[in-house]
PDB file of N, CA and C in Angstrom:
ATOM      1  N   MET A   1      40.890  70.895  90.982  1.00  0.00           N
ATOM      2  CA  MET A   1      40.779  71.799  89.866  1.00  0.00           C
ATOM      3  C   MET A   1      42.450  71.060  89.257  1.00  0.00           C
ATOM      4  N   PHE A   2      43.751  71.217  90.662  1.00  0.00           N
ATOM      5  CA  PHE A   2      44.365  70.642  90.295  1.00  0.00           C
ATOM      6  C   PHE A   2      44.483  69.463  90.296  1.00  0.00           C
ATOM      7  N   GLY A   3      43.874  68.534  90.865  1.00  0.00           N
ATOM      8  CA  GLY A   3      44.108  66.822  91.284  1.00  0.00           C
ATOM      9  C   GLY A   3      43.479  66.577  89.747  1.00  0.00           C
ATOM     10  N   ILE A   4      42.576  66.969  88.757  1.00  0.00           N
ATOM     11  CA  ILE A   4      41.910  66.638  87.960  1.00  0.00           C
ATOM     12  C   ILE A   4      43.030  66.710  86.638  1.00  0.00           C
ATOM     13  N   LEU A   5      43.790  68.373  86.541  1.00  0.00           N
ATOM     14  CA  LEU A   5      45.090  68.291  85.990  1.00  0.00           C
ATOM     15  C   LEU A   5      46.290  67.373  86.031  1.00  0.00           C
ATOM     16  N   VAL A   6      46.215  67.288  87.240  1.00  0.00           N
ATOM     17  CA  VAL A   6      47.476  65.857  87.502  1.00  0.00           C
ATOM     18  C   VAL A   6      47.419  64.472  86.654  1.00  0.00           C
ATOM     19  N   ALA A   7      45.854  64.261  86.602  1.00  0.00           N
ATOM     20  CA  ALA A   7      45.546  62.966  86.520  1.00  0.00           C
ATOM     21  C   ALA A   7      45.505  63.251  85.302  1.00  0.00           C
ATOM     22  N   ILE A   8      44.920  63.847  84.206  1.00  0.00           N
ATOM     23  CA  ILE A   8      44.913  64.180  83.091  1.00  0.00           C
ATOM     24  C   ILE A   8      46.312  64.235  82.567  1.00  0.00           C
ATOM     25  N   GLU A   9      47.349  64.540  83.437  1.00  0.00           N
ATOM     26  CA  GLU A   9      48.817  64.819  83.229  1.00  0.00           C
ATOM     27  C   GLU A   9      49.610  63.482  83.425  1.00  0.00           C
ATOM     28  N   ILE A  10      49.185  62.388  83.705  1.00  0.00           N
ATOM     29  CA  ILE A  10      49.541  61.350  84.167  1.00  0.00           C
ATOM     30  C   ILE A  10      49.189  60.698  82.891  1.00  0.00           C
ATOM     31  N   ILE A  11      47.708  60.881  82.471  1.00  0.00           N
ATOM     32  CA  ILE A  11      47.650  59.691  81.683  1.00  0.00           C
ATOM     33  C   ILE A  11      47.905  59.671  80.604  1.00  0.00           C
ATOM     34  N   VAL A  12      48.246  61.471  80.096  1.00  0.00           N
ATOM     35  CA  VAL A  12      49.341  61.618  78.738  1.00  0.00           C
ATOM     36  C   VAL A  12      50.452  61.551  78.652  1.00  0.00           C
ATOM     37  N   SER A  13      50.916  61.163  80.079  1.00  0.00           N
ATOM     38  CA  SER A  13      52.413  60.737  80.025  1.00  0.00           C
ATOM     39  C   SER A  13      52.495  59.466  79.490  1.00  0.00           C
ATOM     40  N   ILE A  14      51.408  58.684  80.397  1.00  0.00           N
ATOM     41  CA  ILE A  14      51.709  57.092  79.853  1.00  0.00           C
ATOM     42  C   ILE A  14      51.484  57.040  78.910  1.00  0.00           C
ATOM     43  N   LEU A  15      50.303  57.783  77.622  1.00  0.00           N
ATOM     44  CA  LEU A  15      49.946  57.665  76.379  1.00  0.00           C
ATOM     45  C   LEU A  15      51.432  57.685  75.634  1.00  0.00           C
ATOM     46  N   LEU A  16      52.053  58.936  76.323  1.00  0.00           N
ATOM     47  CA  LEU A  16      53.130  59.362  74.720  1.00  0.00           C
ATOM     48  C   LEU A  16      54.154  57.959  74.948  1.00  0.00           C
ATOM     49  N   MET A  17      54.374  57.643  76.748  1.00  0.00           N
ATOM     50  CA  MET A  17      55.312  56.426  76.005  1.00  0.00           C
ATOM     51  C   MET A  17      54.727  55.518  75.510  1.00  0.00           C
ATOM     52  N   ILE A  18      53.714  55.226  75.936  1.00  0.00           N
ATOM     53  CA  ILE A  18      53.504  54.040  74.575  1.00  0.00           C
ATOM     54  C   ILE A  18      53.482  54.278  73.203  1.00  0.00           C
ATOM     55  N   VAL A  19      53.352  55.437  73.127  1.00  0.00           N
ATOM     56  CA  VAL A  19      53.162  55.757  71.371  1.00  0.00           C
ATOM     57  C   VAL A  19      54.651  55.393  71.370  1.00  0.00           C
ATOM     58  N   VAL A  20      55.431  56.575  71.942  1.00  0.00           N
ATOM     59  CA  VAL A  20      57.117  56.565  72.203  1.00  0.00           C
ATOM     60  C   VAL A  20      57.702  55.255  71.353  1.00  0.00           C
ATOM     61  N   LEU A  21      57.231  54.574  71.638  1.00  0.00           N
ATOM     62  CA  LEU A  21      57.936  52.592  72.103  1.00  0.00           C
ATOM     63  C   LEU A  21      56.714  51.791  71.232  1.00  0.00           C
ATOM     64  N   MET A  22      55.709  52.720  70.655  1.00  0.00           N
ATOM     65  CA  MET A  22      55.843  51.360  69.237  1.00  0.00           C
ATOM     66  C   MET A  22      55.706  51.796  67.992  1.00  0.00           C
ATOM     67  N   GLN A  23      56.969  53.178  67.874  1.00  0.00           N
ATOM     68  CA  GLN A  23      57.026  53.420  66.640  1.00  0.00           C
ATOM     69  C   GLN A  23      58.697  52.759  66.044  1.00  0.00           C
ATOM     70  N   SER A  24      58.265  52.335  65.124  1.00  0.00           N
ATOM     71  CA  SER A  24      59.782  51.134  64.754  1.00  0.00           C
ATOM     72  C   SER A  24      60.906  52.094  64.544  1.00  0.00           C
ATOM     73  N   SER A  25      62.101  51.177  64.752  1.00  0.00           N
ATOM     74  CA  SER A  25      62.897  52.173  64.718  1.00  0.00           C
ATOM     75  C   SER A  25      63.548  51.045  63.343  1.00  0.00           C
ATOM     76  N   LYS A  26      65.037  51.696  62.883  1.00  0.00           N
ATOM     77  CA  LYS A  26      65.330  50.618  62.082  1.00  0.00           C
ATOM     78  C   LYS A  26      65.976  49.558  61.827  1.00  0.00           C
ATOM     79  N   GLY A  27      66.071  49.222  63.736  1.00  0.00           N
ATOM     80  CA  GLY A  27      66.023  47.804  63.753  1.00  0.00           C
ATOM     81  C   GLY A  27      64.405  46.571  64.122  1.00  0.00           C
ATOM     82  N   GLY A  28      63.395  47.651  64.029  1.00  0.00           N
ATOM     83  CA  GLY A  28      62.242  47.222  64.515  1.00  0.00           C
ATOM     84  C   GLY A  28      61.970  47.661  65.977  1.00  0.00           C
ATOM     85  N   GLY A  29      62.740  48.234  66.699  1.00  0.00           N
ATOM     86  CA  GLY A  29      62.851  48.618  67.900  1.00  0.00           C
ATOM     87  C   GLY A  29      61.380  47.441  68.998  1.00  0.00           C
ATOM     88  N   LEU A  30      60.704  47.908  69.230  1.00  0.00           N
ATOM     89  CA  LEU A  30      59.659  47.444  70.578  1.00  0.00           C
ATOM     90  C   LEU A  30      58.146  47.214  70.143  1.00  0.00           C
ATOM     91  N   ALA A  31      58.196  48.154  68.561  1.00  0.00           N
ATOM     92  CA  ALA A  31      57.173  47.882  68.124  1.00  0.00           C
ATOM     93  C   ALA A  31      56.467  46.441  67.499  1.00  0.00           C
ATOM     94  N   GLY A  32      57.535  45.114  67.732  1.00  0.00           N
ATOM     95  CA  GLY A  32      57.008  43.969  67.565  1.00  0.00           C
ATOM     96  C   GLY A  32      56.668  43.279  68.358  1.00  0.00           C
ATOM     97  N   SER A  33      57.439  43.922  69.340  1.00  0.00           N
ATOM     98  CA  SER A  33      56.730  43.269  70.938  1.00  0.00           C
ATOM     99  C   SER A  33      55.404  43.342  71.450  1.00  0.00           C
ATOM    100  N   PHE A  34      55.075  44.706  70.989  1.00  0.00           N
ATOM    101  CA  PHE A  34      53.461  45.261  71.416  1.00  0.00           C
ATOM    102  C   PHE A  34      52.687  44.847  70.535  1.00  0.00           C
ATOM    103  N   GLY A  35      52.749  44.504  68.873  1.00  0.00           N
ATOM    104  CA  GLY A  35      51.721  44.069  68.358  1.00  0.00           C
ATOM    105  C   GLY A  35      52.122  45.256  67.133  1.00  0.00           C
ATOM    106  N   GLY A  36      52.824  46.155  66.832  1.00  0.00           N
ATOM    107  CA  GLY A  36      52.797  47.585  66.134  1.00  0.00           C
ATOM    108  C   GLY A  36      53.477  47.305  64.791  1.00  0.00           C
ATOM    109  N   SER A  37      53.288  45.465  64.546  1.00  0.00           N
ATOM    110  CA  SER A  37      54.098  45.193  63.226  1.00  0.00           C
ATOM    111  C   SER A  37      53.010  44.841  62.640  1.00  0.00           C
ATOM    112  N   GLN A  38      51.935  44.136  63.909  1.00  0.00           N
ATOM    113  CA  GLN A  38      50.177  43.893  63.149  1.00  0.00           C
ATOM    114  C   GLN A  38      49.567  45.516  62.411  1.00  0.00           C
ATOM    115  N   ALA A  39      49.783  46.578  63.069  1.00  0.00           N
ATOM    116  CA  ALA A  39      49.221  47.317  62.705  1.00  0.00           C
ATOM    117  C   ALA A  39      49.563  48.303  61.620  1.00  0.00           C
ATOM    118  N   GLY A  40      51.125  47.658  61.324  1.00  0.00           N
ATOM    119  CA  GLY A  40      51.227  48.143  59.973  1.00  0.00           C
ATOM    120  C   GLY A  40      50.266  47.597  58.978  1.00  0.00           C
ATOM    121  N   THR A  41      49.791  46.394  59.085  1.00  0.00           N
ATOM    122  CA  THR A  41      49.188  45.716  58.222  1.00  0.00           C
ATOM    123  C   THR A  41      47.292  46.584  57.816  1.00  0.00           C
ATOM    124  N   VAL A  42      47.037  47.020  58.691  1.00  0.00           N
ATOM    125  CA  VAL A  42      45.503  47.912  59.542  1.00  0.00           C
ATOM    126  C   VAL A  42      45.432  48.992  58.383  1.00  0.00           C
ATOM    127  N   PHE A  43      46.693  49.911  58.364  1.00  0.00           N
ATOM    128  CA  PHE A  43      46.581  51.114  58.143  1.00  0.00           C
ATOM    129  C   PHE A  43      47.899  51.473  56.988  1.00  0.00           C
ATOM    130  N   GLY A  44      48.359  50.533  56.720  1.00  0.00           N
ATOM    131  CA  GLY A  44      49.249  50.409  55.623  1.00  0.00           C
ATOM    132  C   GLY A  44      50.598  51.174  56.409  1.00  0.00           C
ATOM    133  N   VAL A  45      51.879  50.507  56.008  1.00  0.00           N
ATOM    134  CA  VAL A  45      52.831  50.908  57.105  1.00  0.00           C
ATOM    135  C   VAL A  45      53.563  52.382  56.475  1.00  0.00           C
ATOM    136  N   ARG A  46      53.318  53.150  55.649  1.00  0.00           N
ATOM    137  CA  ARG A  46      53.823  54.422  55.542  1.00  0.00           C
ATOM    138  C   ARG A  46      52.255  55.240  56.648  1.00  0.00           C
ATOM    139  N   ARG A  47      51.325  54.788  56.620  1.00  0.00           N
ATOM    140  CA  ARG A  47      49.763  55.823  57.379  1.00  0.00           C
ATOM    141  C   ARG A  47      50.221  55.371  58.861  1.00  0.00           C
ATOM    142  N   THR A  48      50.431  53.993  59.526  1.00  0.00           N
ATOM    143  CA  THR A  48      51.086  53.998  60.568  1.00  0.00           C
ATOM    144  C   THR A  48      51.904  55.035  61.162  1.00  0.00           C
ATOM    145  N   ALA A  49      53.632  54.682  60.423  1.00  0.00           N
ATOM    146  CA  ALA A  49      54.114  56.100  60.885  1.00  0.00           C
ATOM    147  C   ALA A  49      53.227  56.960  60.886  1.00  0.00           C
ATOM    148  N   ASP A  50      53.096  57.712  59.733  1.00  0.00           N
ATOM    149  CA  ASP A  50      52.455  59.258  60.362  1.00  0.00           C
ATOM    150  C   ASP A  50      51.658  59.133  61.166  1.00  0.00           C
ATOM    151  N   PHE A  51      50.927  57.992  61.807  1.00  0.00           N
ATOM    152  CA  PHE A  51      49.945  58.713  62.610  1.00  0.00           C
ATOM    153  C   PHE A  51      51.076  58.380  63.831  1.00  0.00           C
ATOM    154  N   LEU A  52      51.761  57.131  63.836  1.00  0.00           N
ATOM    155  CA  LEU A  52      52.439  57.604  65.557  1.00  0.00           C
ATOM    156  C   LEU A  52      53.045  58.521  65.575  1.00  0.00           C
ATOM    157  N   SER A  53      53.821  59.672  63.913  1.00  0.00           N
ATOM    158  CA  SER A  53      54.684  60.280  64.518  1.00  0.00           C
ATOM    159  C   SER A  53      53.709  61.416  64.824  1.00  0.00           C
ATOM    160  N   ARG A  54      51.997  61.654  64.451  1.00  0.00           N
ATOM    161  CA  ARG A  54      51.599  62.913  64.633  1.00  0.00           C
ATOM    162  C   ARG A  54      51.451  62.592  66.304  1.00  0.00           C
ATOM    163  N   ALA A  55      50.686  61.494  66.220  1.00  0.00           N
ATOM    164  CA  ALA A  55      50.144  61.225  67.698  1.00  0.00           C
ATOM    165  C   ALA A  55      51.874  61.834  69.265  1.00  0.00           C
ATOM    166  N   THR A  56      52.545  61.532  69.010  1.00  0.00           N
ATOM    167  CA  THR A  56      53.869  62.062  69.599  1.00  0.00           C
ATOM    168  C   THR A  56      53.863  63.308  69.649  1.00  0.00           C
ATOM    169  N   THR A  57      53.960  64.063  68.327  1.00  0.00           N
ATOM    170  CA  THR A  57      53.763  65.088  68.376  1.00  0.00           C
ATOM    171  C   THR A  57      52.716  66.152  69.501  1.00  0.00           C
ATOM    172  N   ILE A  58      51.165  65.655  68.979  1.00  0.00           N
ATOM    173  CA  ILE A  58      50.591  65.965  69.434  1.00  0.00           C
ATOM    174  C   ILE A  58      50.612  65.655  71.061  1.00  0.00           C
ATOM    175  N   LEU A  59      50.796  64.412  71.657  1.00  0.00           N
ATOM    176  CA  LEU A  59      50.645  64.609  72.918  1.00  0.00           C
ATOM    177  C   LEU A  59      51.825  65.285  73.727  1.00  0.00           C
ATOM    178  N   ALA A  60      52.981  65.186  73.119  1.00  0.00           N
ATOM    179  CA  ALA A  60      54.080  65.974  74.096  1.00  0.00           C
ATOM    180  C   ALA A  60      53.881  67.698  74.096  1.00  0.00           C
ATOM    181  N   GLY A  61      52.772  68.149  72.650  1.00  0.00           N
ATOM    182  CA  GLY A  61      52.812  69.454  72.744  1.00  0.00           C
ATOM    183  C   GLY A  61      51.841  69.756  74.193  1.00  0.00           C
ATOM    184  N   ILE A  62      50.361  68.162  74.219  1.00  0.00           N
ATOM    185  CA  ILE A  62      49.523  68.518  75.226  1.00  0.00           C
ATOM    186  C   ILE A  62      50.463  69.063  76.725  1.00  0.00           C
ATOM    187  N   PHE A  63      50.927  67.150  76.592  1.00  0.00           N
ATOM    188  CA  PHE A  63      52.194  67.021  78.047  1.00  0.00           C
ATOM    189  C   PHE A  63      52.451  68.827  78.303  1.00  0.00           C
ATOM    190  N   ILE A  64      53.225  69.430  77.808  1.00  0.00           N
ATOM    191  CA  ILE A  64      54.282  70.673  77.747  1.00  0.00           C
ATOM    192  C   ILE A  64      53.353  71.582  78.351  1.00  0.00           C
ATOM    193  N   VAL A  65      51.934  71.578  77.294  1.00  0.00           N
ATOM    194  CA  VAL A  65      50.582  72.658  77.863  1.00  0.00           C
ATOM    195  C   VAL A  65      50.407  72.598  79.699  1.00  0.00           C
ATOM    196  N   LEU A  66      49.966  71.373  79.671  1.00  0.00           N
ATOM    197  CA  LEU A  66      49.383  70.917  80.857  1.00  0.00           C
ATOM    198  C   LEU A  66      50.749  71.321  81.693  1.00  0.00           C
ATOM    199  N   CYS A  67      51.330  70.772  81.750  1.00  0.00           N
ATOM    200  CA  CYS A  67      53.286  70.960  82.502  1.00  0.00           C
ATOM    201  C   CYS A  67      52.924  73.126  83.212  1.00  0.00           C
ATOM    202  N   LEU A  68      53.226  73.572  82.036  1.00  0.00           N
ATOM    203  CA  LEU A  68      52.852  75.069  82.794  1.00  0.00           C
ATOM    204  C   LEU A  68      51.402  74.950  83.020  1.00  0.00           C
ATOM    205  N   LEU A  69      50.774  74.572  82.542  1.00  0.00           N
ATOM    206  CA  LEU A  69      49.111  75.468  83.588  1.00  0.00           C
ATOM    207  C   LEU A  69      49.359  74.902  84.877  1.00  0.00           C
ATOM    208  N   ILE A  70      50.143  73.660  85.028  1.00  0.00           N
ATOM    209  CA  ILE A  70      49.731  73.172  86.790  1.00  0.00           C
ATOM    210  C   ILE A  70      50.818  74.434  87.203  1.00  0.00           C
ATOM    211  N   ASN A  71      51.601  74.183  86.715  1.00  0.00           N
ATOM    212  CA  ASN A  71      52.703  75.261  87.813  1.00  0.00           C
ATOM    213  C   ASN A  71      52.819  76.004  87.616  1.00  0.00           C
ATOM    214  N   ILE A  72      52.518  77.371  86.639  1.00  0.00           N
ATOM    215  CA  ILE A  72      52.531  79.015  87.005  1.00  0.00           C
ATOM    216  C   ILE A  72      50.417  78.909  87.592  1.00  0.00           C
ATOM    217  N   PHE A  73      49.871  78.131  87.283  1.00  0.00           N
ATOM    218  CA  PHE A  73      48.617  78.607  88.265  1.00  0.00           C
ATOM    219  C   PHE A  73      48.506  78.343  89.247  1.00  0.00           C
ATOM    220  N   PHE A  74      48.728  76.033  89.156  1.00  0.00           N
ATOM    221  CA  PHE A  74      47.998  76.155  91.123  1.00  0.00           C
ATOM    222  C   PHE A  74      48.634  75.434  91.468  1.00  0.00           C
ATOM    223  N   LEU A  75      50.103  75.823  91.427  1.00  0.00           N
ATOM    224  CA  LEU A  75      51.229  75.381  92.366  1.00  0.00           C
ATOM    225  C   LEU A  75      51.308  76.737  93.290  1.00  0.00           C
ATOM    226  N   PRO A  76      51.768  75.860  95.203  1.00  0.00           N
ATOM    227  CA  PRO A  76      51.393  76.789  95.724  1.00  0.00           C
ATOM    228  C   PRO A  76      53.170  77.811  95.931  1.00  0.00           C
ATOM    229  N   GLY A  77      52.929  79.273  96.010  1.00  0.00           N
ATOM    230  CA  GLY A  77      54.407  79.264  95.793  1.00  0.00           C
ATOM    231  C   GLY A  77      53.598  81.419  95.564  1.00  0.00           C
ATOM    232  N   LYS A  78      52.696  81.751  95.669  1.00  0.00           N
ATOM    233  CA  LYS A  78      52.421  82.970  95.226  1.00  0.00           C
ATOM    234  C   LYS A  78      51.773  83.483  96.706  1.00  0.00           C
ATOM    235  N   THR A  79      52.033  82.966  97.667  1.00  0.00           N
ATOM    236  CA  THR A  79      51.251  83.279  99.611  1.00  0.00           C
ATOM    237  C   THR A  79      52.771  84.419  99.627  1.00  0.00           C
ATOM    238  N   LYS A  80      51.643  84.932 100.764  1.00  0.00           N
ATOM    239  CA  LYS A  80      52.957  85.504 101.298  1.00  0.00           C
ATOM    240  C   LYS A  80      54.620  85.146 102.046  1.00  0.00           C
ATOM    241  N   ILE A  81      55.437  85.934 101.660  1.00  0.00           N
ATOM    242  CA  ILE A  81      56.752  85.470 102.209  1.00  0.00           C
ATOM    243  C   ILE A  81      56.385  85.358 103.248  1.00  0.00           C
ATOM    244  N   VAL A  82      57.104  83.823 104.086  1.00  0.00           N
ATOM    245  CA  VAL A  82      57.334  84.036 105.985  1.00  0.00           C
ATOM    246  C   VAL A  82      58.649  83.587 106.055  1.00  0.00           C
ATOM    247  N   ASP A  83      59.506  84.669 106.598  1.00  0.00           N
ATOM    248  CA  ASP A  83      61.138  84.023 107.169  1.00  0.00           C
ATOM    249  C   ASP A  83      60.855  82.725 107.717  1.00  0.00           C
ATOM    250  N   SER A  84      61.718  82.154 107.836  1.00  0.00           N
ATOM    251  CA  SER A  84      62.596  81.135 108.606  1.00  0.00           C
ATOM    252  C   SER A  84      62.507  80.978 110.254  1.00  0.00           C
ATOM    253  N   VAL A  85      62.619  79.864 110.718  1.00  0.00           N
ATOM    254  CA  VAL A  85      63.491  80.295 112.136  1.00  0.00           C
ATOM    255  C   VAL A  85      64.962  80.614 112.093  1.00  0.00           C
ATOM    256  N   ILE A  86      65.700  80.697 111.183  1.00  0.00           N
ATOM    257  CA  ILE A  86      66.657  80.494 110.833  1.00  0.00           C
ATOM    258  C   ILE A  86      67.118  81.837 110.146  1.00  0.00           C
ATOM    259  N   GLN A  87      66.047  82.743 109.343  1.00  0.00           N
ATOM    260  CA  GLN A  87      66.125  84.044 109.152  1.00  0.00           C
ATOM    261  C   GLN A  87      66.003  85.030 109.970  1.00  0.00           C
ATOM    262  N   LYS A  88      65.218  84.380 110.854  1.00  0.00           N
ATOM    263  CA  LYS A  88      64.692  85.658 111.944  1.00  0.00           C
ATOM    264  C   LYS A  88      65.829  85.684 113.397  1.00  0.00           C
ATOM    265  N   GLY A  89      66.520  85.098 113.253  1.00  0.00           N
ATOM    266  CA  GLY A  89      67.843  84.895 113.898  1.00  0.00           C
ATOM    267  C   GLY A  89      67.398  84.415 115.442  1.00  0.00           C
ATOM    268  N   ASN A  90      68.189  84.619 116.012  1.00  0.00           N
ATOM    269  CA  ASN A  90      67.803  84.384 117.744  1.00  0.00           C
ATOM    270  C   ASN A  90      66.734  85.240 117.957  1.00  0.00           C
ATOM    271  N   SER A  91      65.727  85.611 118.618  1.00  0.00           N
ATOM    272  CA  SER A  91      65.303  86.182 119.306  1.00  0.00           C
ATOM    273  C   SER A  91      65.738  86.594 121.037  1.00  0.00           C
ATOM    274  N   PRO A  92      65.639  88.365 120.733  1.00  0.00           N
ATOM    275  CA  PRO A  92      66.127  88.537 122.728  1.00  0.00           C
ATOM    276  C   PRO A  92      65.061  87.543 123.292  1.00  0.00           C
ATOM    277  N   THR A  93      65.179  86.719 124.661  1.00  0.00           N
ATOM    278  CA  THR A  93      64.421  86.322 124.702  1.00  0.00           C
ATOM    279  C   THR A  93      64.692  87.186 126.606  1.00  0.00           C
ATOM    280  N   ALA A  94      63.567  87.035 127.297  1.00  0.00           N
ATOM    281  CA  ALA A  94      63.493  87.542 128.594  1.00  0.00           C
ATOM    282  C   ALA A  94      64.796  85.840 129.604  1.00  0.00           C
ATOM    283  N   ALA A  95      65.359  86.661 130.280  1.00  0.00           N
ATOM    284  CA  ALA A  95      66.245  86.008 131.314  1.00  0.00           C
ATOM    285  C   ALA A  95      65.567  85.002 132.475  1.00  0.00           C
ATOM    286  N   PRO A  96      65.868  84.421 132.312  1.00  0.00           N
ATOM    287  CA  PRO A  96      65.027  83.052 133.300  1.00  0.00           C
ATOM    288  C   PRO A  96      65.296  84.191 135.100  1.00  0.00           C
ATOM    289  N   GLN A  97      63.959  84.120 135.821  1.00  0.00           N
ATOM    290  CA  GLN A  97      63.662  84.432 137.208  1.00  0.00           C
ATOM    291  C   GLN A  97      64.463  83.610 137.574  1.00  0.00           C
ATOM    292  N   PRO A  98      65.002  84.300 138.996  1.00  0.00           N
ATOM    293  CA  PRO A  98      65.504  83.453 139.564  1.00  0.00           C
ATOM    294  C   PRO A  98      64.646  82.988 141.037  1.00  0.00           C
ATOM    295  N   LEU A  99      64.350  81.990 141.525  1.00  0.00           N
ATOM    296  CA  LEU A  99      63.553  80.967 142.549  1.00  0.00           C
ATOM    297  C   LEU A  99      63.413  81.509 143.597  1.00  0.00           C
ATOM    298  N   PRO A 100      62.331  81.813 144.919  1.00  0.00           N
ATOM    299  CA  PRO A 100      62.465  82.728 145.484  1.00  0.00           C
ATOM    300  C   PRO A 100      62.757  81.723 146.334  1.00  0.00           C
ATOM    301  N   PRO A 101      63.337  82.308 147.880  1.00  0.00           N
ATOM    302  CA  PRO A 101      64.180  82.073 148.877  1.00  0.00           C
ATOM    303  C   PRO A 101      63.071  80.744 149.582  1.00  0.00           C
ATOM    304  N   SER A 102      63.535  79.591 149.862  1.00  0.00           N
ATOM    305  CA  SER A 102      62.601  78.944 150.239  1.00  0.00           C
ATOM    306  C   SER A 102      62.695  78.288 151.764  1.00  0.00           C
ATOM    307  N   ASN A 103      61.953  78.474 152.936  1.00  0.00           N
ATOM    308  CA  ASN A 103      61.605  78.592 154.322  1.00  0.00           C
ATOM    309  C   ASN A 103      61.871  77.234 154.483  1.00  0.00           C
ATOM    310  N   GLN A 104      61.936  76.048 153.694  1.00  0.00           N
ATOM    311  CA  GLN A 104      62.103  74.709 154.419  1.00  0.00           C
ATOM    312  C   GLN A 104      63.642  75.032 154.167  1.00  0.00           C
ATOM    313  N   PRO A 105      63.763  73.152 155.267  1.00  0.00           N
ATOM    314  CA  PRO A 105      65.435  73.220 155.428  1.00  0.00           C
ATOM    315  C   PRO A 105      65.857  72.568 154.844  1.00  0.00           C
ATOM    316  N   ALA A 106      67.087  72.644 154.270  1.00  0.00           N
ATOM    317  CA  ALA A 106      67.356  71.235 152.883  1.00  0.00           C
ATOM    318  C   ALA A 106      67.414  70.283 153.402  1.00  0.00           C
ATOM    319  N   SER A 107      67.442  69.038 152.609  1.00  0.00           N
ATOM    320  CA  SER A 107      66.864  67.989 153.096  1.00  0.00           C
ATOM    321  C   SER A 107      68.225  67.522 152.927  1.00  0.00           C
ATOM    322  N   ASN A 108      68.661  66.490 154.382  1.00  0.00           N
ATOM    323  CA  ASN A 108      69.316  65.510 153.711  1.00  0.00           C
ATOM    324  C   ASN A 108      69.806  64.570 153.629  1.00  0.00           C
ATOM    325  N   PRO A 109      70.152  63.894 152.622  1.00  0.00           N
ATOM    326  CA  PRO A 109      69.979  62.403 152.003  1.00  0.00           C
ATOM    327  C   PRO A 109      70.869  61.901 152.692  1.00  0.00           C
ATOM    328  N   GLN A 110      70.823  61.684 153.890  1.00  0.00           N
ATOM    329  CA  GLN A 110      71.760  60.675 154.592  1.00  0.00           C
ATOM    330  C   GLN A 110      70.612  60.590 155.847  1.00  0.00           C
ATOM    331  N   GLN A 111      70.302  61.482 155.933  1.00  0.00           N
ATOM    332  CA  GLN A 111      68.507  61.367 157.138  1.00  0.00           C
ATOM    333  C   GLN A 111      67.081  60.642 156.551  1.00  0.00           C
ATOM    334  N   GLN A 112      67.531  60.808 155.232  1.00  0.00           N
ATOM    335  CA  GLN A 112      66.016  60.084 154.994  1.00  0.00           C
ATOM    336  C   GLN A 112      66.292  58.900 155.128  1.00  0.00           C
ATOM    337  N   GLY A 113      67.619  58.151 154.018  1.00  0.00           N
ATOM    338  CA  GLY A 113      67.371  56.779 154.388  1.00  0.00           C
ATOM    339  C   GLY A 113      67.541  55.904 155.895  1.00  0.00           C
ATOM    340  N   LYS A 114      66.897  56.564 157.070  1.00  0.00           N
ATOM    341  CA  LYS A 114      66.638  56.371 158.032  1.00  0.00           C
ATOM    342  C   LYS A 114      65.562  55.903 158.777  1.00  0.00           C
TER     343      LYS A 114
END
């Protein structure tokens, strides 16, 4: 379910970017680059602006709702809290055990070379 919602979120965000870029500003914006000026002839200039502004509002609302759903219900963080190694501090460890005495004589490095 998490993967499906993230995929929908990505699609909605891409559509939102496209719709925002298609809107014409006072200087014409990027609408002319993507053929947005041609879309005005299909719907009429006023209807195209209304459609794009309504699409922007709807897509932004869907984007926000999906973000909240994913963050509230699907992201980890509701599991039990485990202390980190730093928060636990130094745990008392046992002192190292001394080595048992060896019955073998210590080797002399000069004798090994002969």
